[in-house]
Amino acid sequence: VTVKDLLAVTGRRSELDRQNEDTLEYGP
């Protein structure tokens, strides 16, 4: 949670199923 690349991987786990087909955003 303190290093940028690993924080991104850790953060993705919180909303694995979120995807916006219009904006292509995904994750938390």
mmCIF file of all heavy atoms, coordinates in Angstrom:
data_MODEL
# 
_entry.id   MODEL 
# 
loop_
_atom_site.group_PDB 
_atom_site.id 
_atom_site.type_symbol 
_atom_site.label_atom_id 
_atom_site.label_alt_id 
_atom_site.label_comp_id 
_atom_site.label_asym_id 
_atom_site.label_entity_id 
_atom_site.label_seq_id 
_atom_site.pdbx_PDB_ins_code 
_atom_site.Cartn_x 
_atom_site.Cartn_y 
_atom_site.Cartn_z 
_atom_site.occupancy 
_atom_site.B_iso_or_equiv 
_atom_site.pdbx_formal_charge 
_atom_site.auth_seq_id 
_atom_site.auth_comp_id 
_atom_site.auth_asym_id 
_atom_site.auth_atom_id 
_atom_site.pdbx_PDB_model_num 
ATOM 1   N N   . VAL A 1 1  ? 0.819   -1.215 0.000   1.00 0.00 ? 1  VAL A N   1 
ATOM 2   C CA  . VAL A 1 1  ? 0.000   0.000  0.000   1.00 0.00 ? 1  VAL A CA  1 
ATOM 3   C C   . VAL A 1 1  ? 0.855   1.268  0.000   1.00 0.00 ? 1  VAL A C   1 
ATOM 4   O O   . VAL A 1 1  ? 0.294   2.366  -0.084  1.00 0.00 ? 1  VAL A O   1 
ATOM 5   C CB  . VAL A 1 1  ? -0.970  0.027  1.206   1.00 0.00 ? 1  VAL A CB  1 
ATOM 6   C CG1 . VAL A 1 1  ? -2.019  -1.048 1.067   1.00 0.00 ? 1  VAL A CG1 1 
ATOM 7   C CG2 . VAL A 1 1  ? -0.230  -0.085 2.520   1.00 0.00 ? 1  VAL A CG2 1 
ATOM 8   N N   . THR A 1 2  ? 2.164   1.148  0.080   1.00 0.00 ? 2  THR A N   1 
ATOM 9   C CA  . THR A 1 2  ? 3.005   2.345  0.112   1.00 0.00 ? 2  THR A CA  1 
ATOM 10  C C   . THR A 1 2  ? 3.822   2.531  -1.158  1.00 0.00 ? 2  THR A C   1 
ATOM 11  O O   . THR A 1 2  ? 4.438   3.575  -1.338  1.00 0.00 ? 2  THR A O   1 
ATOM 12  C CB  . THR A 1 2  ? 3.979   2.300  1.310   1.00 0.00 ? 2  THR A CB  1 
ATOM 13  O OG1 . THR A 1 2  ? 4.839   1.165  1.174   1.00 0.00 ? 2  THR A OG1 1 
ATOM 14  C CG2 . THR A 1 2  ? 3.231   2.237  2.627   1.00 0.00 ? 2  THR A CG2 1 
ATOM 15  N N   . VAL A 1 3  ? 3.835   1.539  -2.047  1.00 0.00 ? 3  VAL A N   1 
ATOM 16  C CA  . VAL A 1 3  ? 4.589   1.633  -3.293  1.00 0.00 ? 3  VAL A CA  1 
ATOM 17  C C   . VAL A 1 3  ? 3.598   1.622  -4.460  1.00 0.00 ? 3  VAL A C   1 
ATOM 18  O O   . VAL A 1 3  ? 2.673   0.809  -4.487  1.00 0.00 ? 3  VAL A O   1 
ATOM 19  C CB  . VAL A 1 3  ? 5.597   0.474  -3.425  1.00 0.00 ? 3  VAL A CB  1 
ATOM 20  C CG1 . VAL A 1 3  ? 6.405   0.608  -4.703  1.00 0.00 ? 3  VAL A CG1 1 
ATOM 21  C CG2 . VAL A 1 3  ? 6.544   0.464  -2.220  1.00 0.00 ? 3  VAL A CG2 1 
ATOM 22  N N   . LYS A 1 4  ? 3.780   2.513  -5.409  1.00 0.00 ? 4  LYS A N   1 
ATOM 23  C CA  . LYS A 1 4  ? 2.748   2.819  -6.400  1.00 0.00 ? 4  LYS A CA  1 
ATOM 24  C C   . LYS A 1 4  ? 2.286   1.614  -7.202  1.00 0.00 ? 4  LYS A C   1 
ATOM 25  O O   . LYS A 1 4  ? 1.078   1.409  -7.399  1.00 0.00 ? 4  LYS A O   1 
ATOM 26  C CB  . LYS A 1 4  ? 3.258   3.907  -7.344  1.00 0.00 ? 4  LYS A CB  1 
ATOM 27  C CG  . LYS A 1 4  ? 3.614   5.223  -6.676  1.00 0.00 ? 4  LYS A CG  1 
ATOM 28  C CD  . LYS A 1 4  ? 4.149   6.220  -7.682  1.00 0.00 ? 4  LYS A CD  1 
ATOM 29  C CE  . LYS A 1 4  ? 4.643   7.495  -7.018  1.00 0.00 ? 4  LYS A CE  1 
ATOM 30  N NZ  . LYS A 1 4  ? 5.911   7.296  -6.289  1.00 0.00 ? 4  LYS A NZ  1 
ATOM 31  N N   . ASP A 1 5  ? 3.204   0.809  -7.715  1.00 0.00 ? 5  ASP A N   1 
ATOM 32  C CA  . ASP A 1 5  ? 2.775   -0.280 -8.596  1.00 0.00 ? 5  ASP A CA  1 
ATOM 33  C C   . ASP A 1 5  ? 2.023   -1.358 -7.820  1.00 0.00 ? 5  ASP A C   1 
ATOM 34  O O   . ASP A 1 5  ? 1.018   -1.898 -8.301  1.00 0.00 ? 5  ASP A O   1 
ATOM 35  C CB  . ASP A 1 5  ? 3.958   -0.869 -9.350  1.00 0.00 ? 5  ASP A CB  1 
ATOM 36  C CG  . ASP A 1 5  ? 5.018   -1.472 -8.434  1.00 0.00 ? 5  ASP A CG  1 
ATOM 37  O OD1 . ASP A 1 5  ? 5.226   -0.935 -7.325  1.00 0.00 ? 5  ASP A OD1 1 
ATOM 38  O OD2 . ASP A 1 5  ? 5.636   -2.484 -8.820  1.00 0.00 ? 5  ASP A OD2 1 
ATOM 39  N N   . LEU A 1 6  ? 2.479   -1.650 -6.609  1.00 0.00 ? 6  LEU A N   1 
ATOM 40  C CA  . LEU A 1 6  ? 1.793   -2.664 -5.808  1.00 0.00 ? 6  LEU A CA  1 
ATOM 41  C C   . LEU A 1 6  ? 0.480   -2.137 -5.240  1.00 0.00 ? 6  LEU A C   1 
ATOM 42  O O   . LEU A 1 6  ? -0.476  -2.897 -5.067  1.00 0.00 ? 6  LEU A O   1 
ATOM 43  C CB  . LEU A 1 6  ? 2.706   -3.139 -4.675  1.00 0.00 ? 6  LEU A CB  1 
ATOM 44  C CG  . LEU A 1 6  ? 4.025   -3.799 -5.122  1.00 0.00 ? 6  LEU A CG  1 
ATOM 45  C CD1 . LEU A 1 6  ? 4.826   -4.260 -3.921  1.00 0.00 ? 6  LEU A CD1 1 
ATOM 46  C CD2 . LEU A 1 6  ? 3.750   -4.965 -6.059  1.00 0.00 ? 6  LEU A CD2 1 
ATOM 47  N N   . LEU A 1 7  ? 0.424   -0.844 -4.960  1.00 0.00 ? 7  LEU A N   1 
ATOM 48  C CA  . LEU A 1 7  ? -0.840  -0.244 -4.515  1.00 0.00 ? 7  LEU A CA  1 
ATOM 49  C C   . LEU A 1 7  ? -1.909  -0.403 -5.592  1.00 0.00 ? 7  LEU A C   1 
ATOM 50  O O   . LEU A 1 7  ? -3.074  -0.690 -5.294  1.00 0.00 ? 7  LEU A O   1 
ATOM 51  C CB  . LEU A 1 7  ? -0.642  1.238  -4.180  1.00 0.00 ? 7  LEU A CB  1 
ATOM 52  C CG  . LEU A 1 7  ? -1.915  2.031  -3.872  1.00 0.00 ? 7  LEU A CG  1 
ATOM 53  C CD1 . LEU A 1 7  ? -2.624  1.479  -2.646  1.00 0.00 ? 7  LEU A CD1 1 
ATOM 54  C CD2 . LEU A 1 7  ? -1.597  3.508  -3.691  1.00 0.00 ? 7  LEU A CD2 1 
ATOM 55  N N   . ALA A 1 8  ? -1.517  -0.227 -6.862  1.00 0.00 ? 8  ALA A N   1 
ATOM 56  C CA  . ALA A 1 8  ? -2.487  -0.376 -7.953  1.00 0.00 ? 8  ALA A CA  1 
ATOM 57  C C   . ALA A 1 8  ? -3.039  -1.795 -8.000  1.00 0.00 ? 8  ALA A C   1 
ATOM 58  O O   . ALA A 1 8  ? -4.245  -1.997 -8.149  1.00 0.00 ? 8  ALA A O   1 
ATOM 59  C CB  . ALA A 1 8  ? -1.833  -0.010 -9.281  1.00 0.00 ? 8  ALA A CB  1 
ATOM 60  N N   . VAL A 1 9  ? -2.153  -2.777 -7.857  1.00 0.00 ? 9  VAL A N   1 
ATOM 61  C CA  . VAL A 1 9  ? -2.597  -4.175 -7.872  1.00 0.00 ? 9  VAL A CA  1 
ATOM 62  C C   . VAL A 1 9  ? -3.506  -4.450 -6.686  1.00 0.00 ? 9  VAL A C   1 
ATOM 63  O O   . VAL A 1 9  ? -4.565  -5.080 -6.816  1.00 0.00 ? 9  VAL A O   1 
ATOM 64  C CB  . VAL A 1 9  ? -1.384  -5.126 -7.860  1.00 0.00 ? 9  VAL A CB  1 
ATOM 65  C CG1 . VAL A 1 9  ? -1.843  -6.579 -7.755  1.00 0.00 ? 9  VAL A CG1 1 
ATOM 66  C CG2 . VAL A 1 9  ? -0.541  -4.935 -9.112  1.00 0.00 ? 9  VAL A CG2 1 
ATOM 67  N N   . THR A 1 10 ? -3.115  -3.967 -5.521  1.00 0.00 ? 10 THR A N   1 
ATOM 68  C CA  . THR A 1 10 ? -3.916  -4.172 -4.316  1.00 0.00 ? 10 THR A CA  1 
ATOM 69  C C   . THR A 1 10 ? -5.275  -3.481 -4.438  1.00 0.00 ? 10 THR A C   1 
ATOM 70  O O   . THR A 1 10 ? -6.313  -4.038 -4.072  1.00 0.00 ? 10 THR A O   1 
ATOM 71  C CB  . THR A 1 10 ? -3.163  -3.638 -3.079  1.00 0.00 ? 10 THR A CB  1 
ATOM 72  O OG1 . THR A 1 10 ? -1.871  -4.260 -2.999  1.00 0.00 ? 10 THR A OG1 1 
ATOM 73  C CG2 . THR A 1 10 ? -3.929  -3.934 -1.807  1.00 0.00 ? 10 THR A CG2 1 
ATOM 74  N N   . GLY A 1 11 ? -5.266  -2.262 -4.970  1.00 0.00 ? 11 GLY A N   1 
ATOM 75  C CA  . GLY A 1 11 ? -6.505  -1.505 -5.099  1.00 0.00 ? 11 GLY A CA  1 
ATOM 76  C C   . GLY A 1 11 ? -7.502  -2.152 -6.046  1.00 0.00 ? 11 GLY A C   1 
ATOM 77  O O   . GLY A 1 11 ? -8.714  -2.096 -5.819  1.00 0.00 ? 11 GLY A O   1 
ATOM 78  N N   . ARG A 1 12 ? -7.017  -2.774 -7.114  1.00 0.00 ? 12 ARG A N   1 
ATOM 79  C CA  . ARG A 1 12 ? -7.921  -3.402 -8.081  1.00 0.00 ? 12 ARG A CA  1 
ATOM 80  C C   . ARG A 1 12 ? -8.792  -4.477 -7.433  1.00 0.00 ? 12 ARG A C   1 
ATOM 81  O O   . ARG A 1 12 ? -9.910  -4.746 -7.878  1.00 0.00 ? 12 ARG A O   1 
ATOM 82  C CB  . ARG A 1 12 ? -7.120  -4.056 -9.209  1.00 0.00 ? 12 ARG A CB  1 
ATOM 83  C CG  . ARG A 1 12 ? -6.449  -3.103 -10.166 1.00 0.00 ? 12 ARG A CG  1 
ATOM 84  C CD  . ARG A 1 12 ? -5.563  -3.883 -11.125 1.00 0.00 ? 12 ARG A CD  1 
ATOM 85  N NE  . ARG A 1 12 ? -4.633  -3.012 -11.825 1.00 0.00 ? 12 ARG A NE  1 
ATOM 86  C CZ  . ARG A 1 12 ? -3.472  -3.411 -12.310 1.00 0.00 ? 12 ARG A CZ  1 
ATOM 87  N NH1 . ARG A 1 12 ? -3.079  -4.675 -12.160 1.00 0.00 ? 12 ARG A NH1 1 
ATOM 88  N NH2 . ARG A 1 12 ? -2.687  -2.571 -12.951 1.00 0.00 ? 12 ARG A NH2 1 
ATOM 89  N N   . ARG A 1 13 ? -8.291  -5.090 -6.396  1.00 0.00 ? 13 ARG A N   1 
ATOM 90  C CA  . ARG A 1 13 ? -9.011  -6.203 -5.773  1.00 0.00 ? 13 ARG A CA  1 
ATOM 91  C C   . ARG A 1 13 ? -10.318 -5.757 -5.137  1.00 0.00 ? 13 ARG A C   1 
ATOM 92  O O   . ARG A 1 13 ? -11.221 -6.572 -4.938  1.00 0.00 ? 13 ARG A O   1 
ATOM 93  C CB  . ARG A 1 13 ? -8.136  -6.849 -4.694  1.00 0.00 ? 13 ARG A CB  1 
ATOM 94  C CG  . ARG A 1 13 ? -6.854  -7.471 -5.227  1.00 0.00 ? 13 ARG A CG  1 
ATOM 95  C CD  . ARG A 1 13 ? -5.963  -7.844 -4.069  1.00 0.00 ? 13 ARG A CD  1 
ATOM 96  N NE  . ARG A 1 13 ? -4.763  -8.553 -4.510  1.00 0.00 ? 13 ARG A NE  1 
ATOM 97  C CZ  . ARG A 1 13 ? -3.728  -8.805 -3.711  1.00 0.00 ? 13 ARG A CZ  1 
ATOM 98  N NH1 . ARG A 1 13 ? -3.764  -8.401 -2.448  1.00 0.00 ? 13 ARG A NH1 1 
ATOM 99  N NH2 . ARG A 1 13 ? -2.678  -9.452 -4.172  1.00 0.00 ? 13 ARG A NH2 1 
ATOM 100 N N   . SER A 1 14 ? -10.439 -4.464 -4.827  1.00 0.00 ? 14 SER A N   1 
ATOM 101 C CA  . SER A 1 14 ? -11.614 -4.010 -4.087  1.00 0.00 ? 14 SER A CA  1 
ATOM 102 C C   . SER A 1 14 ? -12.871 -3.970 -4.952  1.00 0.00 ? 14 SER A C   1 
ATOM 103 O O   . SER A 1 14 ? -13.977 -4.043 -4.434  1.00 0.00 ? 14 SER A O   1 
ATOM 104 C CB  . SER A 1 14 ? -11.354 -2.634 -3.477  1.00 0.00 ? 14 SER A CB  1 
ATOM 105 O OG  . SER A 1 14 ? -11.160 -1.662 -4.484  1.00 0.00 ? 14 SER A OG  1 
ATOM 106 N N   . GLU A 1 15 ? -12.711 -3.812 -6.277  1.00 0.00 ? 15 GLU A N   1 
ATOM 107 C CA  . GLU A 1 15 ? -13.876 -3.793 -7.164  1.00 0.00 ? 15 GLU A CA  1 
ATOM 108 C C   . GLU A 1 15 ? -13.504 -4.484 -8.474  1.00 0.00 ? 15 GLU A C   1 
ATOM 109 O O   . GLU A 1 15 ? -13.386 -3.857 -9.521  1.00 0.00 ? 15 GLU A O   1 
ATOM 110 C CB  . GLU A 1 15 ? -14.341 -2.364 -7.423  1.00 0.00 ? 15 GLU A CB  1 
ATOM 111 C CG  . GLU A 1 15 ? -14.922 -1.668 -6.199  1.00 0.00 ? 15 GLU A CG  1 
ATOM 112 C CD  . GLU A 1 15 ? -15.500 -0.314 -6.544  1.00 0.00 ? 15 GLU A CD  1 
ATOM 113 O OE1 . GLU A 1 15 ? -16.512 -0.266 -7.260  1.00 0.00 ? 15 GLU A OE1 1 
ATOM 114 O OE2 . GLU A 1 15 ? -14.928 0.689  -6.093  1.00 0.00 ? 15 GLU A OE2 1 
ATOM 115 N N   . LEU A 1 16 ? -13.357 -5.785 -8.418  1.00 0.00 ? 16 LEU A N   1 
ATOM 116 C CA  . LEU A 1 16 ? -12.906 -6.545 -9.573  1.00 0.00 ? 16 LEU A CA  1 
ATOM 117 C C   . LEU A 1 16 ? -13.910 -6.502 -10.715 1.00 0.00 ? 16 LEU A C   1 
ATOM 118 O O   . LEU A 1 16 ? -13.538 -6.612 -11.887 1.00 0.00 ? 16 LEU A O   1 
ATOM 119 C CB  . LEU A 1 16 ? -12.635 -8.001 -9.174  1.00 0.00 ? 16 LEU A CB  1 
ATOM 120 C CG  . LEU A 1 16 ? -11.423 -8.235 -8.273  1.00 0.00 ? 16 LEU A CG  1 
ATOM 121 C CD1 . LEU A 1 16 ? -11.366 -9.695 -7.852  1.00 0.00 ? 16 LEU A CD1 1 
ATOM 122 C CD2 . LEU A 1 16 ? -10.142 -7.845 -8.994  1.00 0.00 ? 16 LEU A CD2 1 
ATOM 123 N N   . ASP A 1 17 ? -15.198 -6.370 -10.409 1.00 0.00 ? 17 ASP A N   1 
ATOM 124 C CA  . ASP A 1 17 ? -16.232 -6.498 -11.432 1.00 0.00 ? 17 ASP A CA  1 
ATOM 125 C C   . ASP A 1 17 ? -16.689 -5.164 -12.006 1.00 0.00 ? 17 ASP A C   1 
ATOM 126 O O   . ASP A 1 17 ? -17.521 -5.144 -12.919 1.00 0.00 ? 17 ASP A O   1 
ATOM 127 C CB  . ASP A 1 17 ? -17.449 -7.245 -10.864 1.00 0.00 ? 17 ASP A CB  1 
ATOM 128 C CG  . ASP A 1 17 ? -17.089 -8.656 -10.413 1.00 0.00 ? 17 ASP A CG  1 
ATOM 129 O OD1 . ASP A 1 17 ? -16.205 -9.257 -11.043 1.00 0.00 ? 17 ASP A OD1 1 
ATOM 130 O OD2 . ASP A 1 17 ? -17.684 -9.134 -9.429  1.00 0.00 ? 17 ASP A OD2 1 
ATOM 131 N N   . ARG A 1 18 ? -16.186 -4.051 -11.482 1.00 0.00 ? 18 ARG A N   1 
ATOM 132 C CA  . ARG A 1 18 ? -16.669 -2.754 -11.974 1.00 0.00 ? 18 ARG A CA  1 
ATOM 133 C C   . ARG A 1 18 ? -16.051 -2.433 -13.332 1.00 0.00 ? 18 ARG A C   1 
ATOM 134 O O   . ARG A 1 18 ? -14.841 -2.357 -13.485 1.00 0.00 ? 18 ARG A O   1 
ATOM 135 C CB  . ARG A 1 18 ? -16.328 -1.636 -10.995 1.00 0.00 ? 18 ARG A CB  1 
ATOM 136 C CG  . ARG A 1 18 ? -16.994 -0.307 -11.364 1.00 0.00 ? 18 ARG A CG  1 
ATOM 137 C CD  . ARG A 1 18 ? -16.564 0.807  -10.436 1.00 0.00 ? 18 ARG A CD  1 
ATOM 138 N NE  . ARG A 1 18 ? -15.281 1.363  -10.794 1.00 0.00 ? 18 ARG A NE  1 
ATOM 139 C CZ  . ARG A 1 18 ? -15.104 2.400  -11.614 1.00 0.00 ? 18 ARG A CZ  1 
ATOM 140 N NH1 . ARG A 1 18 ? -16.141 2.989  -12.171 1.00 0.00 ? 18 ARG A NH1 1 
ATOM 141 N NH2 . ARG A 1 18 ? -13.894 2.862  -11.879 1.00 0.00 ? 18 ARG A NH2 1 
ATOM 142 N N   . GLN A 1 19 ? -16.893 -2.241 -14.336 1.00 0.00 ? 19 GLN A N   1 
ATOM 143 C CA  . GLN A 1 19 ? -16.455 -1.825 -15.657 1.00 0.00 ? 19 GLN A CA  1 
ATOM 144 C C   . GLN A 1 19 ? -17.498 -0.892 -16.247 1.00 0.00 ? 19 GLN A C   1 
ATOM 145 O O   . GLN A 1 19 ? -18.692 -1.138 -16.144 1.00 0.00 ? 19 GLN A O   1 
ATOM 146 C CB  . GLN A 1 19 ? -16.266 -3.020 -16.598 1.00 0.00 ? 19 GLN A CB  1 
ATOM 147 C CG  . GLN A 1 19 ? -14.956 -3.762 -16.399 1.00 0.00 ? 19 GLN A CG  1 
ATOM 148 C CD  . GLN A 1 19 ? -14.735 -4.815 -17.474 1.00 0.00 ? 19 GLN A CD  1 
ATOM 149 O OE1 . GLN A 1 19 ? -15.005 -5.988 -17.253 1.00 0.00 ? 19 GLN A OE1 1 
ATOM 150 N NE2 . GLN A 1 19 ? -14.253 -4.390 -18.612 1.00 0.00 ? 19 GLN A NE2 1 
ATOM 151 N N   . ASN A 1 20 ? -17.017 0.180  -16.854 1.00 0.00 ? 20 ASN A N   1 
ATOM 152 C CA  . ASN A 1 20 ? -17.896 1.134  -17.519 1.00 0.00 ? 20 ASN A CA  1 
ATOM 153 C C   . ASN A 1 20 ? -17.635 1.050  -19.022 1.00 0.00 ? 20 ASN A C   1 
ATOM 154 O O   . ASN A 1 20 ? -16.563 1.446  -19.492 1.00 0.00 ? 20 ASN A O   1 
ATOM 155 C CB  . ASN A 1 20 ? -17.632 2.546  -16.994 1.00 0.00 ? 20 ASN A CB  1 
ATOM 156 C CG  . ASN A 1 20 ? -18.633 3.563  -17.515 1.00 0.00 ? 20 ASN A CG  1 
ATOM 157 O OD1 . ASN A 1 20 ? -18.995 3.565  -18.685 1.00 0.00 ? 20 ASN A OD1 1 
ATOM 158 N ND2 . ASN A 1 20 ? -19.075 4.446  -16.619 1.00 0.00 ? 20 ASN A ND2 1 
ATOM 159 N N   . GLU A 1 21 ? -18.590 0.529  -19.766 1.00 0.00 ? 21 GLU A N   1 
ATOM 160 C CA  . GLU A 1 21 ? -18.392 0.307  -21.195 1.00 0.00 ? 21 GLU A CA  1 
ATOM 161 C C   . GLU A 1 21 ? -18.296 1.621  -21.976 1.00 0.00 ? 21 GLU A C   1 
ATOM 162 O O   . GLU A 1 21 ? -17.732 1.648  -23.067 1.00 0.00 ? 21 GLU A O   1 
ATOM 163 C CB  . GLU A 1 21 ? -19.536 -0.541 -21.758 1.00 0.00 ? 21 GLU A CB  1 
ATOM 164 C CG  . GLU A 1 21 ? -19.580 -1.960 -21.205 1.00 0.00 ? 21 GLU A CG  1 
ATOM 165 C CD  . GLU A 1 21 ? -18.316 -2.735 -21.533 1.00 0.00 ? 21 GLU A CD  1 
ATOM 166 O OE1 . GLU A 1 21 ? -17.724 -2.480 -22.611 1.00 0.00 ? 21 GLU A OE1 1 
ATOM 167 O OE2 . GLU A 1 21 ? -17.908 -3.577 -20.714 1.00 0.00 ? 21 GLU A OE2 1 
ATOM 168 N N   . ASP A 1 22 ? -18.846 2.691  -21.425 1.00 0.00 ? 22 ASP A N   1 
ATOM 169 C CA  . ASP A 1 22 ? -18.800 3.977  -22.124 1.00 0.00 ? 22 ASP A CA  1 
ATOM 170 C C   . ASP A 1 22 ? -17.453 4.670  -21.959 1.00 0.00 ? 22 ASP A C   1 
ATOM 171 O O   . ASP A 1 22 ? -16.885 5.185  -22.922 1.00 0.00 ? 22 ASP A O   1 
ATOM 172 C CB  . ASP A 1 22 ? -19.922 4.892  -21.624 1.00 0.00 ? 22 ASP A CB  1 
ATOM 173 C CG  . ASP A 1 22 ? -21.294 4.350  -21.968 1.00 0.00 ? 22 ASP A CG  1 
ATOM 174 O OD1 . ASP A 1 22 ? -21.429 3.717  -23.029 1.00 0.00 ? 22 ASP A OD1 1 
ATOM 175 O OD2 . ASP A 1 22 ? -22.236 4.545  -21.155 1.00 0.00 ? 22 ASP A OD2 1 
ATOM 176 N N   . THR A 1 23 ? -16.941 4.684  -20.731 1.00 0.00 ? 23 THR A N   1 
ATOM 177 C CA  . THR A 1 23 ? -15.677 5.376  -20.464 1.00 0.00 ? 23 THR A CA  1 
ATOM 178 C C   . THR A 1 23 ? -14.477 4.433  -20.448 1.00 0.00 ? 23 THR A C   1 
ATOM 179 O O   . THR A 1 23 ? -13.335 4.893  -20.378 1.00 0.00 ? 23 THR A O   1 
ATOM 180 C CB  . THR A 1 23 ? -15.744 6.092  -19.111 1.00 0.00 ? 23 THR A CB  1 
ATOM 181 O OG1 . THR A 1 23 ? -15.873 5.107  -18.066 1.00 0.00 ? 23 THR A OG1 1 
ATOM 182 C CG2 . THR A 1 23 ? -16.933 7.038  -19.053 1.00 0.00 ? 23 THR A CG2 1 
ATOM 183 N N   . LEU A 1 24 ? -14.734 3.117  -20.469 1.00 0.00 ? 24 LEU A N   1 
ATOM 184 C CA  . LEU A 1 24 ? -13.708 2.070  -20.376 1.00 0.00 ? 24 LEU A CA  1 
ATOM 185 C C   . LEU A 1 24 ? -13.016 2.039  -19.015 1.00 0.00 ? 24 LEU A C   1 
ATOM 186 O O   . LEU A 1 24 ? -11.989 1.380  -18.858 1.00 0.00 ? 24 LEU A O   1 
ATOM 187 C CB  . LEU A 1 24 ? -12.648 2.222  -21.485 1.00 0.00 ? 24 LEU A CB  1 
ATOM 188 C CG  . LEU A 1 24 ? -13.144 2.074  -22.916 1.00 0.00 ? 24 LEU A CG  1 
ATOM 189 C CD1 . LEU A 1 24 ? -11.965 2.133  -23.892 1.00 0.00 ? 24 LEU A CD1 1 
ATOM 190 C CD2 . LEU A 1 24 ? -13.914 0.790  -23.114 1.00 0.00 ? 24 LEU A CD2 1 
ATOM 191 N N   . GLU A 1 25 ? -13.563 2.753  -18.028 1.00 0.00 ? 25 GLU A N   1 
ATOM 192 C CA  . GLU A 1 25 ? -12.976 2.703  -16.698 1.00 0.00 ? 25 GLU A CA  1 
ATOM 193 C C   . GLU A 1 25 ? -13.292 1.362  -16.047 1.00 0.00 ? 25 GLU A C   1 
ATOM 194 O O   . GLU A 1 25 ? -14.346 0.765  -16.283 1.00 0.00 ? 25 GLU A O   1 
ATOM 195 C CB  . GLU A 1 25 ? -13.519 3.837  -15.832 1.00 0.00 ? 25 GLU A CB  1 
ATOM 196 C CG  . GLU A 1 25 ? -13.096 5.218  -16.307 1.00 0.00 ? 25 GLU A CG  1 
ATOM 197 C CD  . GLU A 1 25 ? -13.749 6.319  -15.488 1.00 0.00 ? 25 GLU A CD  1 
ATOM 198 O OE1 . GLU A 1 25 ? -14.785 6.030  -14.845 1.00 0.00 ? 25 GLU A OE1 1 
ATOM 199 O OE2 . GLU A 1 25 ? -13.241 7.448  -15.496 1.00 0.00 ? 25 GLU A OE2 1 
ATOM 200 N N   . TYR A 1 26 ? -12.371 0.900  -15.226 1.00 0.00 ? 26 TYR A N   1 
ATOM 201 C CA  . TYR A 1 26 ? -12.584 -0.339 -14.488 1.00 0.00 ? 26 TYR A CA  1 
ATOM 202 C C   . TYR A 1 26 ? -11.859 -0.250 -13.148 1.00 0.00 ? 26 TYR A C   1 
ATOM 203 O O   . TYR A 1 26 ? -11.012 0.611  -12.945 1.00 0.00 ? 26 TYR A O   1 
ATOM 204 C CB  . TYR A 1 26 ? -12.110 -1.560 -15.290 1.00 0.00 ? 26 TYR A CB  1 
ATOM 205 C CG  . TYR A 1 26 ? -10.620 -1.597 -15.548 1.00 0.00 ? 26 TYR A CG  1 
ATOM 206 C CD1 . TYR A 1 26 ? -9.742  -2.146 -14.612 1.00 0.00 ? 26 TYR A CD1 1 
ATOM 207 C CD2 . TYR A 1 26 ? -10.085 -1.094 -16.727 1.00 0.00 ? 26 TYR A CD2 1 
ATOM 208 C CE1 . TYR A 1 26 ? -8.380  -2.182 -14.845 1.00 0.00 ? 26 TYR A CE1 1 
ATOM 209 C CE2 . TYR A 1 26 ? -8.725  -1.132 -16.965 1.00 0.00 ? 26 TYR A CE2 1 
ATOM 210 C CZ  . TYR A 1 26 ? -7.871  -1.674 -16.028 1.00 0.00 ? 26 TYR A CZ  1 
ATOM 211 O OH  . TYR A 1 26 ? -6.513  -1.708 -16.259 1.00 0.00 ? 26 TYR A OH  1 
ATOM 212 N N   . GLY A 1 27 ? -12.212 -1.174 -12.254 1.00 0.00 ? 27 GLY A N   1 
ATOM 213 C CA  . GLY A 1 27 ? -11.597 -1.164 -10.934 1.00 0.00 ? 27 GLY A CA  1 
ATOM 214 C C   . GLY A 1 27 ? -12.263 -0.156 -10.026 1.00 0.00 ? 27 GLY A C   1 
ATOM 215 O O   . GLY A 1 27 ? -13.297 0.430  -10.352 1.00 0.00 ? 27 GLY A O   1 
ATOM 216 N N   . PRO A 1 28 ? -11.678 0.097  -8.853  1.00 0.00 ? 28 PRO A N   1 
ATOM 217 C CA  . PRO A 1 28 ? -12.305 0.996  -7.870  1.00 0.00 ? 28 PRO A CA  1 
ATOM 218 C C   . PRO A 1 28 ? -12.417 2.416  -8.392  1.00 0.00 ? 28 PRO A C   1 
ATOM 219 O O   . PRO A 1 28 ? -11.525 2.911  -9.090  1.00 0.00 ? 28 PRO A O   1 
ATOM 220 C CB  . PRO A 1 28 ? -11.372 0.904  -6.660  1.00 0.00 ? 28 PRO A CB  1 
ATOM 221 C CG  . PRO A 1 28 ? -10.061 0.448  -7.210  1.00 0.00 ? 28 PRO A CG  1 
ATOM 222 C CD  . PRO A 1 28 ? -10.385 -0.443 -8.366  1.00 0.00 ? 28 PRO A CD  1 
# 
